[in-house]
C-alpha atoms as a PDB file:
ATOM      1  CA  UNK A   1       3.753  -4.905  13.302  1.00  0.00           C
ATOM      2  CA  UNK A   2       1.350  -7.751  13.360  1.00  0.00           C
ATOM      3  CA  UNK A   3      -0.257  -9.459  10.492  1.00  0.00           C
ATOM      4  CA  UNK A   4      -3.891  -8.492  10.039  1.00  0.00           C
ATOM      5  CA  UNK A   5      -5.662 -10.968  12.018  1.00  0.00           C
ATOM      6  CA  UNK A   6      -8.693 -12.734   9.491  1.00  0.00           C
ATOM      7  CA  UNK A   7     -11.650 -12.788  12.368  1.00  0.00           C
ATOM      8  CA  UNK A   8     -11.826  -9.753  14.249  1.00  0.00           C
ATOM      9  CA  UNK A   9     -13.693  -9.386  17.679  1.00  0.00           C
ATOM     10  CA  UNK A  10     -16.081  -6.691  18.387  1.00  0.00           C
ATOM     11  CA  UNK A  11     -19.422  -5.178  17.168  1.00  0.00           C
ATOM     12  CA  UNK A  12     -20.984  -6.670  14.087  1.00  0.00           C
ATOM     13  CA  UNK A  13     -21.662  -4.952  11.347  1.00  0.00           C
ATOM     14  CA  UNK A  14     -25.731  -4.728  12.399  1.00  0.00           C
ATOM     15  CA  UNK A  15     -27.631  -4.383  15.939  1.00  0.00           C
ATOM     16  CA  UNK A  16     -25.723  -3.296  19.121  1.00  0.00           C
ATOM     17  CA  UNK A  17     -23.592  -6.003  20.579  1.00  0.00           C
ATOM     18  CA  UNK A  18     -20.926  -6.528  23.761  1.00  0.00           C
ATOM     19  CA  UNK A  19     -17.362  -4.854  22.901  1.00  0.00           C
ATOM     20  CA  UNK A  20     -16.349  -8.151  24.205  1.00  0.00           C
ATOM     21  CA  UNK A  21     -18.605 -10.501  21.787  1.00  0.00           C
ATOM     22  CA  UNK A  22     -18.290 -11.651  18.468  1.00  0.00           C
ATOM     23  CA  UNK A  23     -19.863  -9.919  15.862  1.00  0.00           C
ATOM     24  CA  UNK A  24     -23.798 -11.527  14.807  1.00  0.00           C
ATOM     25  CA  UNK A  25     -25.238 -12.636  11.988  1.00  0.00           C
ATOM     26  CA  UNK A  26     -26.752  -9.871   9.694  1.00  0.00           C
ATOM     27  CA  UNK A  27     -29.506 -12.538   8.909  1.00  0.00           C
ATOM     28  CA  UNK A  28     -29.897 -13.804  12.723  1.00  0.00           C
ATOM     29  CA  UNK A  29     -28.338 -11.346  15.056  1.00  0.00           C
ATOM     30  CA  UNK A  30     -29.507 -13.385  18.088  1.00  0.00           C
ATOM     31  CA  UNK A  31     -26.606 -15.992  16.733  1.00  0.00           C
ATOM     32  CA  UNK A  32     -22.414 -15.004  17.182  1.00  0.00           C
ATOM     33  CA  UNK A  33     -19.727 -15.463  14.677  1.00  0.00           C
ATOM     34  CA  UNK A  34     -16.138 -15.555  13.886  1.00  0.00           C
ATOM     35  CA  UNK A  35     -16.653 -15.972  10.095  1.00  0.00           C
ATOM     36  CA  UNK A  36     -17.437 -13.296   7.689  1.00  0.00           C
ATOM     37  CA  UNK A  37     -18.257 -13.055   4.208  1.00  0.00           C
ATOM     38  CA  UNK A  38     -14.857 -13.139   2.128  1.00  0.00           C
ATOM     39  CA  UNK A  39     -16.921 -10.391  -0.581  1.00  0.00           C
ATOM     40  CA  UNK A  40     -18.500  -8.116   1.936  1.00  0.00           C
ATOM     41  CA  UNK A  41     -17.186  -8.853   4.910  1.00  0.00           C
ATOM     42  CA  UNK A  42     -20.673  -9.516   6.529  1.00  0.00           C
ATOM     43  CA  UNK A  43     -20.830 -11.709   9.486  1.00  0.00           C
ATOM     44  CA  UNK A  44     -22.237 -14.963   8.397  1.00  0.00           C
ATOM     45  CA  UNK A  45     -23.331 -17.627  10.368  1.00  0.00           C
ATOM     46  CA  UNK A  46     -23.665 -21.909   9.419  1.00  0.00           C
ATOM     47  CA  UNK A  47     -27.009 -21.193   8.464  1.00  0.00           C
ATOM     48  CA  UNK A  48     -25.928 -18.717   5.909  1.00  0.00           C
ATOM     49  CA  UNK A  49     -22.463 -19.611   4.710  1.00  0.00           C
ATOM     50  CA  UNK A  50     -22.380 -20.548   1.226  1.00  0.00           C
ATOM     51  CA  UNK A  51     -18.978 -22.368   0.459  1.00  0.00           C
ATOM     52  CA  UNK A  52     -16.958 -20.658  -2.394  1.00  0.00           C
ATOM     53  CA  UNK A  53     -13.474 -21.561  -3.539  1.00  0.00           C
ATOM     54  CA  UNK A  54     -12.087 -19.902  -0.914  1.00  0.00           C
ATOM     55  CA  UNK A  55     -13.568 -19.536   2.489  1.00  0.00           C
ATOM     56  CA  UNK A  56     -17.889 -18.698   2.327  1.00  0.00           C
ATOM     57  CA  UNK A  57     -20.048 -15.717   1.075  1.00  0.00           C
ATOM     58  CA  UNK A  58     -23.271 -14.898   2.158  1.00  0.00           C
ATOM     59  CA  UNK A  59     -26.349 -16.141   0.070  1.00  0.00           C
ATOM     60  CA  UNK A  60     -26.666 -12.387  -1.435  1.00  0.00           C
ATOM     61  CA  UNK A  61     -23.550 -12.179  -2.803  1.00  0.00           C
ATOM     62  CA  UNK A  62     -23.832 -15.880  -4.283  1.00  0.00           C
ATOM     63  CA  UNK A  63     -26.975 -14.250  -5.884  1.00  0.00           C
ATOM     64  CA  UNK A  64     -25.501 -11.425  -7.384  1.00  0.00           C
ATOM     65  CA  UNK A  65     -22.973 -13.418  -9.177  1.00  0.00           C
ATOM     66  CA  UNK A  66     -26.109 -15.846 -10.844  1.00  0.00           C
ATOM     67  CA  UNK A  67     -27.522 -15.361 -14.057  1.00  0.00           C
ATOM     68  CA  UNK A  68     -25.338 -12.827 -15.411  1.00  0.00           C
ATOM     69  CA  UNK A  69     -23.495 -15.448 -17.514  1.00  0.00           C
ATOM     70  CA  UNK A  70     -20.618 -15.773 -15.900  1.00  0.00           C
ATOM     71  CA  UNK A  71     -19.241 -18.189 -12.990  1.00  0.00           C
ATOM     72  CA  UNK A  72     -21.509 -17.221  -9.855  1.00  0.00           C
ATOM     73  CA  UNK A  73     -19.188 -15.109  -7.227  1.00  0.00           C
ATOM     74  CA  UNK A  74     -19.084 -17.941  -4.593  1.00  0.00           C
ATOM     75  CA  UNK A  75     -16.446 -19.725  -7.718  1.00  0.00           C
ATOM     76  CA  UNK A  76     -14.844 -16.212  -7.850  1.00  0.00           C
ATOM     77  CA  UNK A  77     -14.215 -14.724  -4.399  1.00  0.00           C
ATOM     78  CA  UNK A  78     -13.392 -11.081  -3.869  1.00  0.00           C
ATOM     79  CA  UNK A  79     -11.356  -9.286  -1.670  1.00  0.00           C
ATOM     80  CA  UNK A  80     -12.319  -6.365   0.911  1.00  0.00           C
ATOM     81  CA  UNK A  81     -11.228  -4.157  -1.807  1.00  0.00           C
ATOM     82  CA  UNK A  82     -12.937  -5.896  -5.262  1.00  0.00           C
ATOM     83  CA  UNK A  83      -9.569  -8.276  -6.060  1.00  0.00           C
ATOM     84  CA  UNK A  84      -9.754 -11.450  -6.641  1.00  0.00           C
ATOM     85  CA  UNK A  85      -8.404 -13.863  -4.006  1.00  0.00           C
ATOM     86  CA  UNK A  86      -4.818 -15.362  -4.862  1.00  0.00           C
ATOM     87  CA  UNK A  87      -3.895 -18.810  -4.215  1.00  0.00           C
ATOM     88  CA  UNK A  88      -0.575 -16.917  -2.642  1.00  0.00           C
ATOM     89  CA  UNK A  89      -1.735 -13.579  -1.081  1.00  0.00           C
ATOM     90  CA  UNK A  90       1.894 -12.464  -0.833  1.00  0.00           C
ATOM     91  CA  UNK A  91       2.947 -12.786  -4.317  1.00  0.00           C
ATOM     92  CA  UNK A  92       3.680  -9.098  -5.111  1.00  0.00           C
ATOM     93  CA  UNK A  93       5.166  -8.694  -1.871  1.00  0.00           C
ATOM     94  CA  UNK A  94       7.532 -11.304  -2.574  1.00  0.00           C
ATOM     95  CA  UNK A  95       7.962  -9.743  -5.938  1.00  0.00           C
ATOM     96  CA  UNK A  96       8.851  -6.594  -4.889  1.00  0.00           C
ATOM     97  CA  UNK A  97      11.100  -7.393  -1.869  1.00  0.00           C
ATOM     98  CA  UNK A  98      12.872  -9.649  -4.741  1.00  0.00           C
ATOM     99  CA  UNK A  99      13.072  -6.575  -6.818  1.00  0.00           C
ATOM    100  CA  UNK A 100      14.725  -4.305  -4.115  1.00  0.00           C
ATOM    101  CA  UNK A 101      17.196  -7.039  -3.046  1.00  0.00           C
ATOM    102  CA  UNK A 102      18.440  -7.648  -6.886  1.00  0.00           C
ATOM    103  CA  UNK A 103      18.798  -3.729  -7.089  1.00  0.00           C
ATOM    104  CA  UNK A 104      20.738  -3.789  -3.590  1.00  0.00           C
ATOM    105  CA  UNK A 105      23.001  -6.601  -5.085  1.00  0.00           C
ATOM    106  CA  UNK A 106      23.409  -4.419  -8.028  1.00  0.00           C
ATOM    107  CA  UNK A 107      24.629  -1.681  -6.292  1.00  0.00           C
ATOM    108  CA  UNK A 108      27.340  -3.774  -4.568  1.00  0.00           C
ATOM    109  CA  UNK A 109      28.636  -5.305  -7.925  1.00  0.00           C
ATOM    110  CA  UNK A 110      28.400  -2.865 -10.244  1.00  0.00           C
ATOM    111  CA  UNK A 111      29.617   0.201  -7.797  1.00  0.00           C
ATOM    112  CA  UNK A 112      28.414   3.575  -7.437  1.00  0.00           C
ATOM    113  CA  UNK A 113      27.488   4.457 -11.106  1.00  0.00           C
ATOM    114  CA  UNK A 114      24.752   2.451 -11.096  1.00  0.00           C
ATOM    115  CA  UNK A 115      23.510   4.349  -7.583  1.00  0.00           C
ATOM    116  CA  UNK A 116      24.382   7.787  -9.095  1.00  0.00           C
ATOM    117  CA  UNK A 117      22.554   6.636 -12.669  1.00  0.00           C
ATOM    118  CA  UNK A 118      19.334   5.469 -11.196  1.00  0.00           C
ATOM    119  CA  UNK A 119      19.349   7.726  -7.598  1.00  0.00           C
ATOM    120  CA  UNK A 120      16.756  10.785  -7.198  1.00  0.00           C
ATOM    121  CA  UNK A 121      18.313  14.010  -7.948  1.00  0.00           C
ATOM    122  CA  UNK A 122      16.861  17.026  -8.780  1.00  0.00           C
ATOM    123  CA  UNK A 123      19.485  18.447 -10.474  1.00  0.00           C
ATOM    124  CA  UNK A 124      23.517  19.024  -9.699  1.00  0.00           C
ATOM    125  CA  UNK A 125      26.797  17.668 -10.942  1.00  0.00           C
ATOM    126  CA  UNK A 126      27.170  13.738 -10.517  1.00  0.00           C
ATOM    127  CA  UNK A 127      31.838  13.138  -9.701  1.00  0.00           C
ATOM    128  CA  UNK A 128      30.753   9.813 -10.500  1.00  0.00           C
ATOM    129  CA  UNK A 129      29.367  10.195 -14.099  1.00  0.00           C
ATOM    130  CA  UNK A 130      31.377  13.627 -14.563  1.00  0.00           C
ATOM    131  CA  UNK A 131      28.282  15.583 -16.131  1.00  0.00           C
ATOM    132  CA  UNK A 132      24.862  16.905 -14.374  1.00  0.00           C
ATOM    133  CA  UNK A 133      22.399  14.992 -13.575  1.00  0.00           C
ATOM    134  CA  UNK A 134      18.680  14.937 -12.526  1.00  0.00           C
ATOM    135  CA  UNK A 135      14.997  14.841 -12.850  1.00  0.00           C
ATOM    136  CA  UNK A 136      15.257  18.331 -14.150  1.00  0.00           C
ATOM    137  CA  UNK A 137      17.781  17.035 -16.834  1.00  0.00           C
ATOM    138  CA  UNK A 138      15.097  15.027 -18.647  1.00  0.00           C
ATOM    139  CA  UNK A 139      15.361  11.624 -16.243  1.00  0.00           C
ATOM    140  CA  UNK A 140      12.062  11.636 -14.531  1.00  0.00           C
ATOM    141  CA  UNK A 141      12.706   7.824 -14.373  1.00  0.00           C
ATOM    142  CA  UNK A 142      14.485   8.580 -11.141  1.00  0.00           C
ATOM    143  CA  UNK A 143      11.247   8.881  -9.369  1.00  0.00           C
ATOM    144  CA  UNK A 144      10.534   5.508  -9.841  1.00  0.00           C
ATOM    145  CA  UNK A 145      14.221   3.329  -9.819  1.00  0.00           C
ATOM    146  CA  UNK A 146      15.048   5.294  -6.945  1.00  0.00           C
ATOM    147  CA  UNK A 147      12.405   3.321  -5.062  1.00  0.00           C
ATOM    148  CA  UNK A 148      14.191   0.083  -5.495  1.00  0.00           C
ATOM    149  CA  UNK A 149      17.374   1.327  -3.977  1.00  0.00           C
ATOM    150  CA  UNK A 150      19.118   1.583  -0.562  1.00  0.00           C
ATOM    151  CA  UNK A 151      22.477   3.273   1.111  1.00  0.00           C
ATOM    152  CA  UNK A 152      23.775  -0.308   3.102  1.00  0.00           C
ATOM    153  CA  UNK A 153      23.012  -3.218   4.534  1.00  0.00           C
ATOM    154  CA  UNK A 154      20.638  -1.756   7.510  1.00  0.00           C
ATOM    155  CA  UNK A 155      18.594   0.281   5.340  1.00  0.00           C
ATOM    156  CA  UNK A 156      17.374  -2.306   3.258  1.00  0.00           C
ATOM    157  CA  UNK A 157      16.857  -4.644   5.782  1.00  0.00           C
ATOM    158  CA  UNK A 158      15.020  -2.481   7.815  1.00  0.00           C
ATOM    159  CA  UNK A 159      12.269  -1.552   4.790  1.00  0.00           C
ATOM    160  CA  UNK A 160      12.237  -4.876   3.755  1.00  0.00           C
ATOM    161  CA  UNK A 161      11.401  -6.413   7.083  1.00  0.00           C
ATOM    162  CA  UNK A 162       8.110  -3.199   7.367  1.00  0.00           C
ATOM    163  CA  UNK A 163       7.149  -4.135   3.655  1.00  0.00           C
ATOM    164  CA  UNK A 164       7.100  -7.606   4.652  1.00  0.00           C
ATOM    165  CA  UNK A 165       5.088  -6.960   8.166  1.00  0.00           C
ATOM    166  CA  UNK A 166       2.222  -4.234   6.455  1.00  0.00           C
ATOM    167  CA  UNK A 167       2.429  -5.488   2.989  1.00  0.00           C
ATOM    168  CA  UNK A 168       1.436  -9.515   2.543  1.00  0.00           C
ATOM    169  CA  UNK A 169      -1.805  -8.439   5.074  1.00  0.00           C
ATOM    170  CA  UNK A 170      -2.722  -5.252   2.730  1.00  0.00           C
ATOM    171  CA  UNK A 171      -2.054  -6.885  -0.578  1.00  0.00           C
ATOM    172  CA  UNK A 172      -4.154  -9.976   0.822  1.00  0.00           C
ATOM    173  CA  UNK A 173      -7.061  -7.458   1.758  1.00  0.00           C
ATOM    174  CA  UNK A 174      -7.036  -4.923  -1.566  1.00  0.00           C
ATOM    175  CA  UNK A 175      -5.763  -7.719  -4.169  1.00  0.00           C
ATOM    176  CA  UNK A 176      -2.687  -8.070  -6.258  1.00  0.00           C
ATOM    177  CA  UNK A 177      -3.339  -5.417  -8.385  1.00  0.00           C
ATOM    178  CA  UNK A 178      -5.039  -2.782  -6.209  1.00  0.00           C
ATOM    179  CA  UNK A 179      -2.138  -3.476  -3.866  1.00  0.00           C
ATOM    180  CA  UNK A 180       0.551  -2.757  -6.133  1.00  0.00           C
ATOM    181  CA  UNK A 181      -0.306   0.401  -7.701  1.00  0.00           C
ATOM    182  CA  UNK A 182      -1.210   1.535  -4.110  1.00  0.00           C
ATOM    183  CA  UNK A 183       2.617   0.943  -3.561  1.00  0.00           C
ATOM    184  CA  UNK A 184       3.755   2.626  -6.760  1.00  0.00           C
ATOM    185  CA  UNK A 185       1.475   5.644  -6.395  1.00  0.00           C
ATOM    186  CA  UNK A 186       2.842   5.965  -2.842  1.00  0.00           C
ATOM    187  CA  UNK A 187       6.663   5.846  -4.031  1.00  0.00           C
ATOM    188  CA  UNK A 188       5.921   7.731  -6.687  1.00  0.00           C
ATOM    189  CA  UNK A 189       4.276  10.543  -4.344  1.00  0.00           C
ATOM    190  CA  UNK A 190       7.087  10.519  -1.563  1.00  0.00           C
ATOM    191  CA  UNK A 191       9.971  11.157  -4.854  1.00  0.00           C
ATOM    192  CA  UNK A 192       7.625  14.298  -5.980  1.00  0.00           C
ATOM    193  CA  UNK A 193       7.170  15.450  -3.052  1.00  0.00           C
ATOM    194  CA  UNK A 194      11.043  15.231  -2.064  1.00  0.00           C
ATOM    195  CA  UNK A 195      12.008  16.925  -5.552  1.00  0.00           C
ATOM    196  CA  UNK A 196       9.357  19.437  -4.955  1.00  0.00           C
ATOM    197  CA  UNK A 197      11.308  20.799  -1.863  1.00  0.00           C
ATOM    198  CA  UNK A 198      14.619  19.291  -0.938  1.00  0.00           C
ATOM    199  CA  UNK A 199      17.669  21.017  -2.306  1.00  0.00           C
ATOM    200  CA  UNK A 200      17.952  20.363  -5.643  1.00  0.00           C
ATOM    201  CA  UNK A 201      21.501  18.343  -5.608  1.00  0.00           C
ATOM    202  CA  UNK A 202      20.691  16.125  -2.331  1.00  0.00           C
ATOM    203  CA  UNK A 203      20.261  12.461  -3.327  1.00  0.00           C
ATOM    204  CA  UNK A 204      17.245  10.165  -2.287  1.00  0.00           C
ATOM    205  CA  UNK A 205      17.358   6.288  -2.822  1.00  0.00           C
ATOM    206  CA  UNK A 206      14.892   3.889  -0.897  1.00  0.00           C
ATOM    207  CA  UNK A 207      11.622   2.270  -0.690  1.00  0.00           C
ATOM    208  CA  UNK A 208      10.808   4.214   2.724  1.00  0.00           C
ATOM    209  CA  UNK A 209       8.056   6.666   0.534  1.00  0.00           C
ATOM    210  CA  UNK A 210       5.951   3.102  -0.752  1.00  0.00           C
ATOM    211  CA  UNK A 211       6.456   1.598   2.728  1.00  0.00           C
ATOM    212  CA  UNK A 212       5.088   4.506   4.087  1.00  0.00           C
ATOM    213  CA  UNK A 213       2.297   4.640   2.060  1.00  0.00           C
ATOM    214  CA  UNK A 214       1.467   0.854   3.343  1.00  0.00           C
ATOM    215  CA  UNK A 215       1.177   2.150   6.967  1.00  0.00           C
ATOM    216  CA  UNK A 216      -1.492   5.105   5.925  1.00  0.00           C
ATOM    217  CA  UNK A 217      -3.135   2.444   4.027  1.00  0.00           C
ATOM    218  CA  UNK A 218      -2.727   0.223   6.826  1.00  0.00           C
ATOM    219  CA  UNK A 219      -4.275   2.688   9.533  1.00  0.00           C
ATOM    220  CA  UNK A 220      -7.263   2.892   7.453  1.00  0.00           C
ATOM    221  CA  UNK A 221      -8.126  -0.720   6.562  1.00  0.00           C
ATOM    222  CA  UNK A 222      -7.295  -1.386  10.532  1.00  0.00           C
ATOM    223  CA  UNK A 223      -9.630   1.592  11.614  1.00  0.00           C
ATOM    224  CA  UNK A 224     -12.693  -0.160   8.636  1.00  0.00           C
ATOM    225  CA  UNK A 225     -12.238  -3.297  10.552  1.00  0.00           C
ATOM    226  CA  UNK A 226     -12.654  -2.020  13.991  1.00  0.00           C
ATOM    227  CA  UNK A 227      -9.129  -3.621  15.070  1.00  0.00           C
ATOM    228  CA  UNK A 228      -6.864  -1.517  17.530  1.00  0.00           C
ATOM    229  CA  UNK A 229      -5.085   1.073  15.546  1.00  0.00           C
ATOM    230  CA  UNK A 230      -2.504   1.289  19.233  1.00  0.00           C
ATOM    231  CA  UNK A 231       0.081  -1.380  17.329  1.00  0.00           C
ATOM    232  CA  UNK A 232       0.686   0.351  14.203  1.00  0.00           C
ATOM    233  CA  UNK A 233       0.080   3.578  15.573  1.00  0.00           C
ATOM    234  CA  UNK A 234       2.753   3.443  17.822  1.00  0.00           C
ATOM    235  CA  UNK A 235       5.068   1.580  15.404  1.00  0.00           C
ATOM    236  CA  UNK A 236       4.625   4.550  12.870  1.00  0.00           C
ATOM    237  CA  UNK A 237       4.915   7.116  15.632  1.00  0.00           C
ATOM    238  CA  UNK A 238       8.333   5.739  16.455  1.00  0.00           C
ATOM    239  CA  UNK A 239       9.316   5.984  12.499  1.00  0.00           C
ATOM    240  CA  UNK A 240       8.519   9.049  12.138  1.00  0.00           C
ATOM    241  CA  UNK A 241      10.798  10.062  15.364  1.00  0.00           C
ATOM    242  CA  UNK A 242      13.368   8.605  13.650  1.00  0.00           C
ATOM    243  CA  UNK A 243      12.207  10.561  10.586  1.00  0.00           C
ATOM    244  CA  UNK A 244      12.626  13.645  11.689  1.00  0.00           C
ATOM    245  CA  UNK A 245      15.404  13.449  14.071  1.00  0.00           C
ATOM    246  CA  UNK A 246      18.572  11.631  12.424  1.00  0.00           C
ATOM    247  CA  UNK A 247      20.225  12.737   9.945  1.00  0.00           C
ATOM    248  CA  UNK A 248      20.467  12.417   6.506  1.00  0.00           C
ATOM    249  CA  UNK A 249      17.010  11.278   6.159  1.00  0.00           C
ATOM    250  CA  UNK A 250      14.404  12.203   3.439  1.00  0.00           C
ATOM    251  CA  UNK A 251      11.314  13.086   5.622  1.00  0.00           C
ATOM    252  CA  UNK A 252       9.650  14.570   2.757  1.00  0.00           C
ATOM    253  CA  UNK A 253       9.882  11.006   1.019  1.00  0.00           C
ATOM    254  CA  UNK A 254       8.229   9.881   4.009  1.00  0.00           C
ATOM    255  CA  UNK A 255       5.447  12.442   4.528  1.00  0.00           C
ATOM    256  CA  UNK A 256       4.793  12.276   0.732  1.00  0.00           C
ATOM    257  CA  UNK A 257       3.917   8.385   0.727  1.00  0.00           C
ATOM    258  CA  UNK A 258       2.102   8.640   4.185  1.00  0.00           C
ATOM    259  CA  UNK A 259      -0.265  11.372   2.625  1.00  0.00           C
ATOM    260  CA  UNK A 260      -0.580   9.376  -0.884  1.00  0.00           C
ATOM    261  CA  UNK A 261      -1.243   6.018   1.254  1.00  0.00           C
ATOM    262  CA  UNK A 262      -3.789   7.095   3.309  1.00  0.00           C
ATOM    263  CA  UNK A 263      -6.098   8.927   0.508  1.00  0.00           C
ATOM    264  CA  UNK A 264      -5.119   5.566  -1.865  1.00  0.00           C
ATOM    265  CA  UNK A 265      -6.000   3.239   0.903  1.00  0.00           C
ATOM    266  CA  UNK A 266      -9.386   5.566   1.555  1.00  0.00           C
ATOM    267  CA  UNK A 267     -10.557   4.969  -1.831  1.00  0.00           C
ATOM    268  CA  UNK A 268     -10.072   1.126  -1.789  1.00  0.00           C
ATOM    269  CA  UNK A 269     -11.523   0.513   1.216  1.00  0.00           C
ATOM    270  CA  UNK A 270     -14.481   2.372   1.052  1.00  0.00           C
ATOM    271  CA  UNK A 271     -15.447   2.913  -2.703  1.00  0.00           C
ATOM    272  CA  UNK A 272     -19.178   1.820  -3.008  1.00  0.00           C
ATOM    273  CA  UNK A 273     -19.506  -1.402  -4.800  1.00  0.00           C
ATOM    274  CA  UNK A 274     -21.909  -0.131  -7.717  1.00  0.00           C
ATOM    275  CA  UNK A 275     -18.761   2.226  -8.760  1.00  0.00           C
ATOM    276  CA  UNK A 276     -15.703   0.566  -7.311  1.00  0.00           C
ATOM    277  CA  UNK A 277     -12.992   0.316  -9.905  1.00  0.00           C
ATOM    278  CA  UNK A 278     -13.983   3.815 -11.084  1.00  0.00           C
ATOM    279  CA  UNK A 279     -13.408   5.233  -7.082  1.00  0.00           C
ATOM    280  CA  UNK A 280     -10.350   3.397  -6.795  1.00  0.00           C
ATOM    281  CA  UNK A 281      -8.616   3.976  -9.620  1.00  0.00           C
ATOM    282  CA  UNK A 282      -9.581   7.298 -10.553  1.00  0.00           C
ATOM    283  CA  UNK A 283      -8.094   8.434  -7.031  1.00  0.00           C
ATOM    284  CA  UNK A 284      -5.130   6.952  -7.691  1.00  0.00           C
ATOM    285  CA  UNK A 285      -5.049   8.772 -11.245  1.00  0.00           C
ATOM    286  CA  UNK A 286      -5.992  12.238  -9.276  1.00  0.00           C
ATOM    287  CA  UNK A 287      -2.864  11.281  -6.832  1.00  0.00           C
ATOM    288  CA  UNK A 288      -0.524  10.614  -9.771  1.00  0.00           C
ATOM    289  CA  UNK A 289      -1.681  13.979 -11.467  1.00  0.00           C
ATOM    290  CA  UNK A 290      -0.570  15.612  -8.146  1.00  0.00           C
ATOM    291  CA  UNK A 291       2.672  14.347  -8.537  1.00  0.00           C
ATOM    292  CA  UNK A 292       3.156  15.346 -12.366  1.00  0.00           C
ATOM    293  CA  UNK A 293       2.120  19.036 -11.494  1.00  0.00           C
ATOM    294  CA  UNK A 294       4.715  18.861  -8.769  1.00  0.00           C
ATOM    295  CA  UNK A 295       7.265  17.704 -10.909  1.00  0.00           C
ATOM    296  CA  UNK A 296       6.576  19.721 -13.703  1.00  0.00           C
ATOM    297  CA  UNK A 297       6.825  23.167 -11.030  1.00  0.00           C
ATOM    298  CA  UNK A 298      10.326  22.109  -9.648  1.00  0.00           C
ATOM    299  CA  UNK A 299      11.449  21.269 -13.309  1.00  0.00           C
ATOM    300  CA  UNK A 300      10.410  25.018 -14.240  1.00  0.00           C
ATOM    301  CA  UNK A 301      12.057  26.575 -11.447  1.00  0.00           C
ATOM    302  CA  UNK A 302      15.349  23.957 -12.345  1.00  0.00           C
ATOM    303  CA  UNK A 303      15.817  25.278 -16.057  1.00  0.00           C
END
């Protein structure tokens, strides 16, 4: 998937525009511009640009940051979702890839006992650990740890490639904290749906649930920015075809992660500025509540 571009073409936020032209400045509709405010994303012409530590801001966002007893927002530019603009916009993505690679290395060096201890399974006898294992056996941590395990080099290579392609642009658009929460919540939602409806003794590993959450959030982000959705939709469709046609793939994790990513991504991108954090993290809390309910329901069925 291509990286989300920084200066989209298409109609501006205010006033009709030619489909092939650049957006018009929100204060000067007769002036086309390829620059947007780093905080509110409105198009701004050179006369309206106020230099910030990263990029430019519009006069309104600069005024909003003054007189509060803190440094103006022009010195603290915000992402589309309200996060702080970071010097390295892919840091969390790099850390997540590093954690996945480290866990894979442990799988290869420690062996099956490591995978058996941390993979997702509802309830079943484990011949490696010589005991009954699973979430229903008081091991809910498997919903999280299984997100960092993989079956083979092809599995982890494909997932990490998708994580790099989609994670970086999303992290840059949402900010580090919101992006990390999106990733974890989507992964847990995928794991919980797998636990709920898959066979109780079916093991499952992989970051696919979280990555499908990034798919969902990317669709929301591109739609919000009026970008061409066809490339990401085609990639998503190909992955879904693989999900439902290739044996031994936990499709439940993919579907659960995708739905969670769409819901959380919509809240991250469309939350009103005056209640941004409340709406964003409140939505995450609601999705996590659904995860808890699914987990409790399935545990009750298996015990």
